[in-house]
Amino acid sequence: MRTTLITATELAALPPDEVLVVDCRKDLADPAKGRHDYLAGHIPGAVYAELDTDLSDLSLQLQGLGRHPLPSAEAFSAVLGRWGWRPRLQVVAYDATSGALAAARLWWLLRYAGERAVAVLDGGFAAWQAAGLPVETAVPQRTATTVALQFDPARVVLDHGALHAAPAPLLLDARAVPRYRGDTEPLDPVAGHVPGALNRPFADNLAADGRFKGAAELQRDFLAVLGTRAPSEVVHMCGSGVTACHNLLAMEHAGLAGSRLYAPSWSGWVSDRSRPVATDGQ
């Protein structure tokens, strides 16, 4: 059972009937590109996950839950059933590269439902291609199953006020430094960060080759940020609760499990303009 990361060669060695491969490629600047790329070529047998409809419920955006609100357990169960998932079936999610967007989100959603047999392809589709492994264009026809999962509310923070209620968690913001500092904001109406949040860009989880750093190195990196705080005291955020899952994945791969996701993230925080905003590293 793979529970965090899997290499392209390890995935290629798994019997096709013992794994559900999910293509999660998504480009926020070009919403149709991910599906187009999937149809142009994907890992054999892979189904496609659309971030906006399969891994989010955009109908909840106006409720202050951010740009990518979490789907209900019922809706997510229906998606898994459409893919033919069954309990204990190994799931492998992949993005264009190392799970920066929806692959880590799918990994976390299954964790949110209490499932552990899910991993992200280290290096993503690029690593699969670099290994010279086969690609196909056919869309697989999988037999649907009946799925009824429940989410664990202890793994998520939805209440904005909980971020500063005693005992306050350690809030880690996964966005790039310029967005965190408030120098620029390409997606949301307000620039900056939640007061008190520390910056841990998800890109810092990756080595120069685009794959995740080793578990020991990631552990050292995160412990340097956490200080005396335990992983259970950590809450992750980003722009809309998607790339924050990259940090959740990296921490678990580093042996630092137990942190939570602030699902509304920055887009949810600034949906109420009365909430305070910090800028310029403050």
C-alpha atoms as a PDB file:
ATOM      1  CA  MET A   1       0.000   0.000   0.000  1.00  0.00           C
ATOM      2  CA  ARG A   2       1.417   3.371  -1.073  1.00  0.00           C
ATOM      3  CA  THR A   3       0.280   6.170   1.228  1.00  0.00           C
ATOM      4  CA  THR A   4       2.189   9.300   0.163  1.00  0.00           C
ATOM      5  CA  LEU A   5       4.363   9.118  -2.970  1.00  0.00           C
ATOM      6  CA  ILE A   6       5.031   6.565  -5.694  1.00  0.00           C
ATOM      7  CA  THR A   7       7.573   6.625  -8.525  1.00  0.00           C
ATOM      8  CA  ALA A   8       6.717   6.145 -12.181  1.00  0.00           C
ATOM      9  CA  THR A   9       8.496   2.786 -12.320  1.00  0.00           C
ATOM     10  CA  GLU A  10       6.710   1.599  -9.168  1.00  0.00           C
ATOM     11  CA  LEU A  11       3.357   2.578 -10.655  1.00  0.00           C
ATOM     12  CA  ALA A  12       4.154   0.838 -13.941  1.00  0.00           C
ATOM     13  CA  ALA A  13       4.850  -2.373 -12.029  1.00  0.00           C
ATOM     14  CA  LEU A  14       1.423  -2.488 -10.342  1.00  0.00           C
ATOM     15  CA  PRO A  15      -1.165  -4.859 -11.881  1.00  0.00           C
ATOM     16  CA  PRO A  16      -3.805  -2.709 -13.650  1.00  0.00           C
ATOM     17  CA  ASP A  17      -6.675  -4.321 -11.739  1.00  0.00           C
ATOM     18  CA  GLU A  18      -5.065  -3.420  -8.397  1.00  0.00           C
ATOM     19  CA  VAL A  19      -4.817   0.323  -8.896  1.00  0.00           C
ATOM     20  CA  LEU A  20      -7.047   3.254  -9.850  1.00  0.00           C
ATOM     21  CA  VAL A  21      -4.979   5.883 -11.646  1.00  0.00           C
ATOM     22  CA  VAL A  22      -6.465   9.389 -11.705  1.00  0.00           C
ATOM     23  CA  ASP A  23      -5.262  12.154 -14.018  1.00  0.00           C
ATOM     24  CA  CYS A  24      -5.746  15.450 -12.145  1.00  0.00           C
ATOM     25  CA  ARG A  25      -4.083  17.895 -14.513  1.00  0.00           C
ATOM     26  CA  LYS A  26      -5.465  21.415 -14.181  1.00  0.00           C
ATOM     27  CA  ASP A  27      -4.416  24.882 -15.343  1.00  0.00           C
ATOM     28  CA  LEU A  28      -6.203  27.638 -13.414  1.00  0.00           C
ATOM     29  CA  ALA A  29      -5.396  30.107 -16.197  1.00  0.00           C
ATOM     30  CA  ASP A  30      -6.951  27.817 -18.834  1.00  0.00           C
ATOM     31  CA  PRO A  31      -9.714  25.716 -17.197  1.00  0.00           C
ATOM     32  CA  ALA A  32     -10.239  23.469 -20.237  1.00  0.00           C
ATOM     33  CA  LYS A  33      -6.561  22.620 -20.724  1.00  0.00           C
ATOM     34  CA  GLY A  34      -6.378  19.771 -18.202  1.00  0.00           C
ATOM     35  CA  ARG A  35      -9.084  17.678 -19.844  1.00  0.00           C
ATOM     36  CA  HIS A  36      -7.724  18.515 -23.289  1.00  0.00           C
ATOM     37  CA  ASP A  37      -4.269  17.299 -22.245  1.00  0.00           C
ATOM     38  CA  TYR A  38      -5.791  14.137 -20.758  1.00  0.00           C
ATOM     39  CA  LEU A  39      -7.571  13.316 -24.024  1.00  0.00           C
ATOM     40  CA  ALA A  40      -4.366  13.990 -25.948  1.00  0.00           C
ATOM     41  CA  GLY A  41      -2.499  11.382 -23.918  1.00  0.00           C
ATOM     42  CA  HIS A  42      -2.537   9.934 -20.411  1.00  0.00           C
ATOM     43  CA  ILE A  43      -1.232   7.048 -18.327  1.00  0.00           C
ATOM     44  CA  PRO A  44      -2.946   3.847 -19.520  1.00  0.00           C
ATOM     45  CA  GLY A  45      -6.184   3.182 -17.656  1.00  0.00           C
ATOM     46  CA  ALA A  46      -6.303   6.591 -16.008  1.00  0.00           C
ATOM     47  CA  VAL A  47      -9.641   8.301 -15.384  1.00  0.00           C
ATOM     48  CA  TYR A  48      -9.871  12.087 -15.327  1.00  0.00           C
ATOM     49  CA  ALA A  49     -10.661  14.231 -12.269  1.00  0.00           C
ATOM     50  CA  GLU A  50     -11.932  17.754 -12.874  1.00  0.00           C
ATOM     51  CA  LEU A  51     -10.891  20.001  -9.976  1.00  0.00           C
ATOM     52  CA  ASP A  52     -13.903  22.307 -10.304  1.00  0.00           C
ATOM     53  CA  THR A  53     -16.603  19.623 -10.403  1.00  0.00           C
ATOM     54  CA  ASP A  54     -15.182  16.343  -9.068  1.00  0.00           C
ATOM     55  CA  LEU A  55     -12.974  17.663  -6.263  1.00  0.00           C
ATOM     56  CA  SER A  56     -14.840  20.880  -5.405  1.00  0.00           C
ATOM     57  CA  ASP A  57     -18.362  22.249  -5.150  1.00  0.00           C
ATOM     58  CA  LEU A  58     -18.291  25.683  -6.757  1.00  0.00           C
ATOM     59  CA  SER A  59     -21.955  26.259  -5.868  1.00  0.00           C
ATOM     60  CA  LEU A  60     -20.752  27.015  -2.311  1.00  0.00           C
ATOM     61  CA  GLN A  61     -18.415  29.858  -3.296  1.00  0.00           C
ATOM     62  CA  LEU A  62     -20.849  32.542  -2.134  1.00  0.00           C
ATOM     63  CA  GLN A  63     -20.973  31.045   1.364  1.00  0.00           C
ATOM     64  CA  GLY A  64     -17.494  32.302   2.236  1.00  0.00           C
ATOM     65  CA  LEU A  65     -15.884  28.907   1.665  1.00  0.00           C
ATOM     66  CA  GLY A  66     -13.340  30.051  -0.913  1.00  0.00           C
ATOM     67  CA  ARG A  67     -12.825  29.582  -4.639  1.00  0.00           C
ATOM     68  CA  HIS A  68     -12.727  25.780  -4.402  1.00  0.00           C
ATOM     69  CA  PRO A  69     -15.132  24.736  -1.621  1.00  0.00           C
ATOM     70  CA  LEU A  70     -14.917  21.118  -0.559  1.00  0.00           C
ATOM     71  CA  PRO A  71     -17.480  18.733  -2.044  1.00  0.00           C
ATOM     72  CA  SER A  72     -19.889  16.963   0.267  1.00  0.00           C
ATOM     73  CA  ALA A  73     -19.104  13.396   1.289  1.00  0.00           C
ATOM     74  CA  GLU A  74     -22.071  12.261  -0.801  1.00  0.00           C
ATOM     75  CA  ALA A  75     -20.858  14.091  -3.917  1.00  0.00           C
ATOM     76  CA  PHE A  76     -17.301  12.803  -3.533  1.00  0.00           C
ATOM     77  CA  SER A  77     -18.599   9.265  -2.966  1.00  0.00           C
ATOM     78  CA  ALA A  78     -20.557   9.531  -6.224  1.00  0.00           C
ATOM     79  CA  VAL A  79     -17.398  10.572  -8.086  1.00  0.00           C
ATOM     80  CA  LEU A  80     -15.456   7.626  -6.680  1.00  0.00           C
ATOM     81  CA  GLY A  81     -18.324   5.293  -7.578  1.00  0.00           C
ATOM     82  CA  ARG A  82     -18.311   6.587 -11.148  1.00  0.00           C
ATOM     83  CA  TRP A  83     -14.614   5.744 -11.322  1.00  0.00           C
ATOM     84  CA  GLY A  84     -15.236   2.227 -10.028  1.00  0.00           C
ATOM     85  CA  TRP A  85     -13.367   2.716  -6.772  1.00  0.00           C
ATOM     86  CA  ARG A  86     -13.756   0.245  -3.923  1.00  0.00           C
ATOM     87  CA  PRO A  87     -12.363   0.260  -0.372  1.00  0.00           C
ATOM     88  CA  ARG A  88      -8.666  -0.651  -0.118  1.00  0.00           C
ATOM     89  CA  LEU A  89      -8.135  -0.229  -3.862  1.00  0.00           C
ATOM     90  CA  GLN A  90      -4.840   1.604  -4.342  1.00  0.00           C
ATOM     91  CA  VAL A  91      -5.335   5.064  -5.838  1.00  0.00           C
ATOM     92  CA  VAL A  92      -2.549   6.959  -7.606  1.00  0.00           C
ATOM     93  CA  ALA A  93      -3.180  10.598  -8.508  1.00  0.00           C
ATOM     94  CA  TYR A  94      -1.003  12.628 -10.817  1.00  0.00           C
ATOM     95  CA  ASP A  95      -0.647  16.152 -12.148  1.00  0.00           C
ATOM     96  CA  ALA A  96       1.469  17.551 -14.928  1.00  0.00           C
ATOM     97  CA  THR A  97       4.341  17.690 -12.416  1.00  0.00           C
ATOM     98  CA  SER A  98       4.586  16.864  -8.694  1.00  0.00           C
ATOM     99  CA  GLY A  99       0.999  17.138  -7.480  1.00  0.00           C
ATOM    100  CA  ALA A 100       0.989  20.907  -7.181  1.00  0.00           C
ATOM    101  CA  LEU A 101      -2.711  21.246  -7.819  1.00  0.00           C
ATOM    102  CA  ALA A 102      -5.475  18.685  -7.915  1.00  0.00           C
ATOM    103  CA  ALA A 103      -3.436  15.494  -7.371  1.00  0.00           C
ATOM    104  CA  ALA A 104      -2.566  16.512  -3.819  1.00  0.00           C
ATOM    105  CA  ARG A 105      -6.169  17.660  -3.354  1.00  0.00           C
ATOM    106  CA  LEU A 106      -7.481  14.210  -4.323  1.00  0.00           C
ATOM    107  CA  TRP A 107      -4.912  12.616  -2.011  1.00  0.00           C
ATOM    108  CA  TRP A 108      -6.141  14.774   0.862  1.00  0.00           C
ATOM    109  CA  LEU A 109      -9.846  14.218   0.125  1.00  0.00           C
ATOM    110  CA  LEU A 110      -9.328  10.476   0.468  1.00  0.00           C
ATOM    111  CA  ARG A 111      -7.419  11.098   3.708  1.00  0.00           C
ATOM    112  CA  TYR A 112     -10.353  13.297   4.802  1.00  0.00           C
ATOM    113  CA  ALA A 113     -12.551  10.227   4.236  1.00  0.00           C
ATOM    114  CA  GLY A 114     -10.232   8.016   6.289  1.00  0.00           C
ATOM    115  CA  GLU A 115      -8.662   6.153   3.347  1.00  0.00           C
ATOM    116  CA  ARG A 116      -4.911   5.501   3.333  1.00  0.00           C
ATOM    117  CA  ALA A 117      -4.258   3.573   0.096  1.00  0.00           C
ATOM    118  CA  VAL A 118      -3.661   6.691  -1.982  1.00  0.00           C
ATOM    119  CA  ALA A 119      -0.425   8.158  -3.304  1.00  0.00           C
ATOM    120  CA  VAL A 120       0.710  10.944  -5.615  1.00  0.00           C
ATOM    121  CA  LEU A 121       2.959  10.192  -8.576  1.00  0.00           C
ATOM    122  CA  ASP A 122       6.305  11.790  -7.759  1.00  0.00           C
ATOM    123  CA  GLY A 123       7.241  14.044 -10.655  1.00  0.00           C
ATOM    124  CA  GLY A 124       3.796  13.691 -12.211  1.00  0.00           C
ATOM    125  CA  PHE A 125       3.069  12.987 -15.854  1.00  0.00           C
ATOM    126  CA  ALA A 126       6.406  14.547 -16.793  1.00  0.00           C
ATOM    127  CA  ALA A 127       8.227  11.830 -14.814  1.00  0.00           C
ATOM    128  CA  TRP A 128       6.130   9.121 -16.484  1.00  0.00           C
ATOM    129  CA  GLN A 129       7.051  10.436 -19.914  1.00  0.00           C
ATOM    130  CA  ALA A 130      10.711  10.887 -18.971  1.00  0.00           C
ATOM    131  CA  ALA A 131      10.825   7.200 -18.001  1.00  0.00           C
ATOM    132  CA  GLY A 132       9.695   6.269 -21.534  1.00  0.00           C
ATOM    133  CA  LEU A 133       6.533   4.612 -20.263  1.00  0.00           C
ATOM    134  CA  PRO A 134       3.460   4.130 -22.499  1.00  0.00           C
ATOM    135  CA  VAL A 135       0.724   6.703 -23.012  1.00  0.00           C
ATOM    136  CA  GLU A 136      -2.754   6.159 -24.416  1.00  0.00           C
ATOM    137  CA  THR A 137      -5.639   8.324 -25.614  1.00  0.00           C
ATOM    138  CA  ALA A 138      -8.518   5.871 -25.035  1.00  0.00           C
ATOM    139  CA  VAL A 139     -10.899   6.789 -22.209  1.00  0.00           C
ATOM    140  CA  PRO A 140     -11.290   3.692 -19.989  1.00  0.00           C
ATOM    141  CA  GLN A 141     -14.723   2.216 -19.357  1.00  0.00           C
ATOM    142  CA  ARG A 142     -14.817   1.205 -15.702  1.00  0.00           C
ATOM    143  CA  THR A 143     -17.655  -0.595 -13.960  1.00  0.00           C
ATOM    144  CA  ALA A 144     -19.357   1.769 -11.521  1.00  0.00           C
ATOM    145  CA  THR A 145     -19.510   0.906  -7.833  1.00  0.00           C
ATOM    146  CA  THR A 146     -21.584   2.081  -4.886  1.00  0.00           C
ATOM    147  CA  VAL A 147     -19.569   4.206  -2.452  1.00  0.00           C
ATOM    148  CA  ALA A 148     -20.695   5.783   0.826  1.00  0.00           C
ATOM    149  CA  LEU A 149     -17.801   7.543   2.539  1.00  0.00           C
ATOM    150  CA  GLN A 150     -17.937   9.920   5.475  1.00  0.00           C
ATOM    151  CA  PHE A 151     -15.563  12.822   6.094  1.00  0.00           C
ATOM    152  CA  ASP A 152     -13.658  13.294   9.348  1.00  0.00           C
ATOM    153  CA  PRO A 153     -14.359  16.847  10.601  1.00  0.00           C
ATOM    154  CA  ALA A 154     -11.255  16.718  12.798  1.00  0.00           C
ATOM    155  CA  ARG A 155      -9.070  16.998   9.684  1.00  0.00           C
ATOM    156  CA  VAL A 156     -10.409  20.341   8.478  1.00  0.00           C
ATOM    157  CA  VAL A 157     -10.985  23.913   9.645  1.00  0.00           C
ATOM    158  CA  LEU A 158     -14.000  25.648   8.120  1.00  0.00           C
ATOM    159  CA  ASP A 159     -14.647  28.260  10.819  1.00  0.00           C
ATOM    160  CA  HIS A 160     -12.617  31.394  10.094  1.00  0.00           C
ATOM    161  CA  GLY A 161     -12.702  32.392  13.749  1.00  0.00           C
ATOM    162  CA  ALA A 162     -10.968  29.176  14.797  1.00  0.00           C
ATOM    163  CA  LEU A 163      -7.701  30.458  13.329  1.00  0.00           C
ATOM    164  CA  HIS A 164      -7.266  32.900  16.180  1.00  0.00           C
ATOM    165  CA  ALA A 165      -9.248  31.219  18.948  1.00  0.00           C
ATOM    166  CA  ALA A 166      -7.219  29.941  21.895  1.00  0.00           C
ATOM    167  CA  PRO A 167      -5.246  27.794  21.606  1.00  0.00           C
ATOM    168  CA  ALA A 168      -4.432  29.278  18.208  1.00  0.00           C
ATOM    169  CA  PRO A 169      -2.939  26.875  15.653  1.00  0.00           C
ATOM    170  CA  LEU A 170       0.236  27.496  13.691  1.00  0.00           C
ATOM    171  CA  LEU A 171      -1.033  28.650  10.295  1.00  0.00           C
ATOM    172  CA  LEU A 172       1.192  27.841   7.288  1.00  0.00           C
ATOM    173  CA  ASP A 173       0.456  29.576   3.978  1.00  0.00           C
ATOM    174  CA  ALA A 174       1.550  27.550   0.928  1.00  0.00           C
ATOM    175  CA  ARG A 175       1.381  30.384  -1.605  1.00  0.00           C
ATOM    176  CA  ALA A 176       4.446  31.864  -3.286  1.00  0.00           C
ATOM    177  CA  VAL A 177       6.249  34.608  -1.370  1.00  0.00           C
ATOM    178  CA  PRO A 178       4.986  37.570  -3.495  1.00  0.00           C
ATOM    179  CA  ARG A 179       1.349  36.570  -2.922  1.00  0.00           C
ATOM    180  CA  TYR A 180       1.892  35.961   0.776  1.00  0.00           C
ATOM    181  CA  ARG A 181       3.595  39.341   1.215  1.00  0.00           C
ATOM    182  CA  GLY A 182       0.842  41.095  -0.728  1.00  0.00           C
ATOM    183  CA  ASP A 183       3.129  42.258  -3.538  1.00  0.00           C
ATOM    184  CA  THR A 184       0.756  40.743  -6.093  1.00  0.00           C
ATOM    185  CA  GLU A 185      -2.536  38.868  -6.167  1.00  0.00           C
ATOM    186  CA  PRO A 186      -3.576  37.398  -9.529  1.00  0.00           C
ATOM    187  CA  LEU A 187      -6.646  35.449  -8.368  1.00  0.00           C
ATOM    188  CA  ASP A 188      -8.292  37.041  -5.338  1.00  0.00           C
ATOM    189  CA  PRO A 189      -9.648  40.582  -4.761  1.00  0.00           C
ATOM    190  CA  VAL A 190      -7.354  41.384  -1.822  1.00  0.00           C
ATOM    191  CA  ALA A 191      -3.590  40.884  -1.517  1.00  0.00           C
ATOM    192  CA  GLY A 192      -1.757  39.804   1.621  1.00  0.00           C
ATOM    193  CA  HIS A 193      -2.126  37.066   4.207  1.00  0.00           C
ATOM    194  CA  VAL A 194      -3.962  36.139   7.381  1.00  0.00           C
ATOM    195  CA  PRO A 195      -2.315  37.916  10.335  1.00  0.00           C
ATOM    196  CA  GLY A 196       0.015  35.563  12.179  1.00  0.00           C
ATOM    197  CA  ALA A 197       0.357  33.089   9.302  1.00  0.00           C
ATOM    198  CA  LEU A 198       3.831  31.922   8.345  1.00  0.00           C
ATOM    199  CA  ASN A 199       4.868  31.357   4.755  1.00  0.00           C
ATOM    200  CA  ARG A 200       5.851  27.865   3.578  1.00  0.00           C
ATOM    201  CA  PRO A 201       5.632  27.897  -0.250  1.00  0.00           C
ATOM    202  CA  PHE A 202       4.663  24.463  -1.560  1.00  0.00           C
ATOM    203  CA  ALA A 203       7.409  24.763  -4.193  1.00  0.00           C
ATOM    204  CA  ASP A 204       9.941  24.402  -1.363  1.00  0.00           C
ATOM    205  CA  ASN A 205       8.909  20.745  -1.081  1.00  0.00           C
ATOM    206  CA  LEU A 206      10.506  19.965  -4.432  1.00  0.00           C
ATOM    207  CA  ALA A 207      14.070  19.274  -5.495  1.00  0.00           C
ATOM    208  CA  ALA A 208      15.645  20.785  -8.602  1.00  0.00           C
ATOM    209  CA  ASP A 209      14.412  17.881 -10.747  1.00  0.00           C
ATOM    210  CA  GLY A 210      10.776  18.619  -9.867  1.00  0.00           C
ATOM    211  CA  ARG A 211      10.384  15.612  -7.593  1.00  0.00           C
ATOM    212  CA  PHE A 212       9.768  15.768  -3.860  1.00  0.00           C
ATOM    213  CA  LYS A 213      12.751  16.151  -1.593  1.00  0.00           C
ATOM    214  CA  GLY A 214      13.634  13.141   0.534  1.00  0.00           C
ATOM    215  CA  ALA A 215      11.640  12.489   3.686  1.00  0.00           C
ATOM    216  CA  ALA A 216      14.539  13.340   6.008  1.00  0.00           C
ATOM    217  CA  GLU A 217      15.194  16.673   4.289  1.00  0.00           C
ATOM    218  CA  LEU A 218      11.511  17.585   4.324  1.00  0.00           C
ATOM    219  CA  GLN A 219      11.326  16.719   8.010  1.00  0.00           C
ATOM    220  CA  ARG A 220      14.262  19.024   8.795  1.00  0.00           C
ATOM    221  CA  ASP A 221      12.709  21.809   6.733  1.00  0.00           C
ATOM    222  CA  PHE A 222       9.298  21.615   8.379  1.00  0.00           C
ATOM    223  CA  LEU A 223      10.644  21.202  11.906  1.00  0.00           C
ATOM    224  CA  ALA A 224      12.635  24.398  11.380  1.00  0.00           C
ATOM    225  CA  VAL A 225       9.327  26.182  10.710  1.00  0.00           C
ATOM    226  CA  LEU A 226       7.285  24.385  13.374  1.00  0.00           C
ATOM    227  CA  GLY A 227       9.739  24.976  16.203  1.00  0.00           C
ATOM    228  CA  THR A 228       8.186  23.522  19.333  1.00  0.00           C
ATOM    229  CA  ARG A 229       4.736  23.106  17.769  1.00  0.00           C
ATOM    230  CA  ALA A 230       3.461  19.587  17.134  1.00  0.00           C
ATOM    231  CA  PRO A 231       2.093  18.631  13.682  1.00  0.00           C
ATOM    232  CA  SER A 232      -1.373  18.406  15.242  1.00  0.00           C
ATOM    233  CA  GLU A 233      -1.151  22.147  16.002  1.00  0.00           C
ATOM    234  CA  VAL A 234      -0.519  23.037  12.340  1.00  0.00           C
ATOM    235  CA  VAL A 235      -3.204  24.272   9.944  1.00  0.00           C
ATOM    236  CA  HIS A 236      -2.374  24.662   6.246  1.00  0.00           C
ATOM    237  CA  MET A 237      -3.818  27.202   3.846  1.00  0.00           C
ATOM    238  CA  CYS A 238      -3.191  28.653   0.381  1.00  0.00           C
ATOM    239  CA  GLY A 239      -5.369  30.600  -2.045  1.00  0.00           C
ATOM    240  CA  SER A 240      -8.338  28.229  -2.170  1.00  0.00           C
ATOM    241  CA  GLY A 241      -7.440  25.088  -0.226  1.00  0.00           C
ATOM    242  CA  VAL A 242      -5.811  23.236  -3.117  1.00  0.00           C
ATOM    243  CA  THR A 243      -2.029  23.753  -3.082  1.00  0.00           C
ATOM    244  CA  ALA A 244      -2.099  23.678   0.734  1.00  0.00           C
ATOM    245  CA  CYS A 245      -2.654  19.941   0.294  1.00  0.00           C
ATOM    246  CA  HIS A 246       0.856  19.774  -1.181  1.00  0.00           C
ATOM    247  CA  ASN A 247       2.244  20.793   2.221  1.00  0.00           C
ATOM    248  CA  LEU A 248      -0.028  18.289   3.981  1.00  0.00           C
ATOM    249  CA  LEU A 249       1.316  15.572   1.682  1.00  0.00           C
ATOM    250  CA  ALA A 250       4.926  16.672   2.200  1.00  0.00           C
ATOM    251  CA  MET A 251       4.567  16.696   5.980  1.00  0.00           C
ATOM    252  CA  GLU A 252       3.030  13.224   6.021  1.00  0.00           C
ATOM    253  CA  HIS A 253       5.764  11.933   3.705  1.00  0.00           C
ATOM    254  CA  ALA A 254       8.239  13.412   6.203  1.00  0.00           C
ATOM    255  CA  GLY A 255       6.644  11.487   9.071  1.00  0.00           C
ATOM    256  CA  LEU A 256       4.873  14.570  10.444  1.00  0.00           C
ATOM    257  CA  ALA A 257       1.246  13.509  10.146  1.00  0.00           C
ATOM    258  CA  GLY A 258      -1.722  15.049  11.917  1.00  0.00           C
ATOM    259  CA  SER A 259      -1.974  18.616  10.601  1.00  0.00           C
ATOM    260  CA  ARG A 260      -5.203  20.093   9.255  1.00  0.00           C
ATOM    261  CA  LEU A 261      -6.462  22.053   6.232  1.00  0.00           C
ATOM    262  CA  TYR A 262      -8.067  25.500   6.438  1.00  0.00           C
ATOM    263  CA  ALA A 263     -10.234  24.709   3.446  1.00  0.00           C
ATOM    264  CA  PRO A 264     -11.611  28.202   2.621  1.00  0.00           C
ATOM    265  CA  SER A 265      -8.042  29.559   2.712  1.00  0.00           C
ATOM    266  CA  TRP A 266      -7.213  33.086   1.581  1.00  0.00           C
ATOM    267  CA  SER A 267     -10.129  33.427  -0.847  1.00  0.00           C
ATOM    268  CA  GLY A 268     -12.519  32.486   1.945  1.00  0.00           C
ATOM    269  CA  TRP A 269     -10.834  34.759   4.480  1.00  0.00           C
ATOM    270  CA  VAL A 270     -11.134  37.852   2.269  1.00  0.00           C
ATOM    271  CA  SER A 271     -14.755  37.097   1.321  1.00  0.00           C
ATOM    272  CA  ASP A 272     -15.541  39.235   4.382  1.00  0.00           C
ATOM    273  CA  ARG A 273     -13.686  42.516   3.891  1.00  0.00           C
ATOM    274  CA  SER A 274     -13.913  43.284   7.619  1.00  0.00           C
ATOM    275  CA  ARG A 275     -11.374  40.573   8.416  1.00  0.00           C
ATOM    276  CA  PRO A 276      -7.845  41.860   9.034  1.00  0.00           C
ATOM    277  CA  VAL A 277      -5.139  41.529   6.380  1.00  0.00           C
ATOM    278  CA  ALA A 278      -1.354  41.585   6.827  1.00  0.00           C
ATOM    279  CA  THR A 279       1.091  42.608   4.110  1.00  0.00           C
ATOM    280  CA  ASP A 280       4.833  43.073   3.534  1.00  0.00           C
ATOM    281  CA  GLY A 281       5.812  40.128   5.665  1.00  0.00           C
ATOM    282  CA  GLN A 282       3.868  41.326   8.720  1.00  0.00           C
END
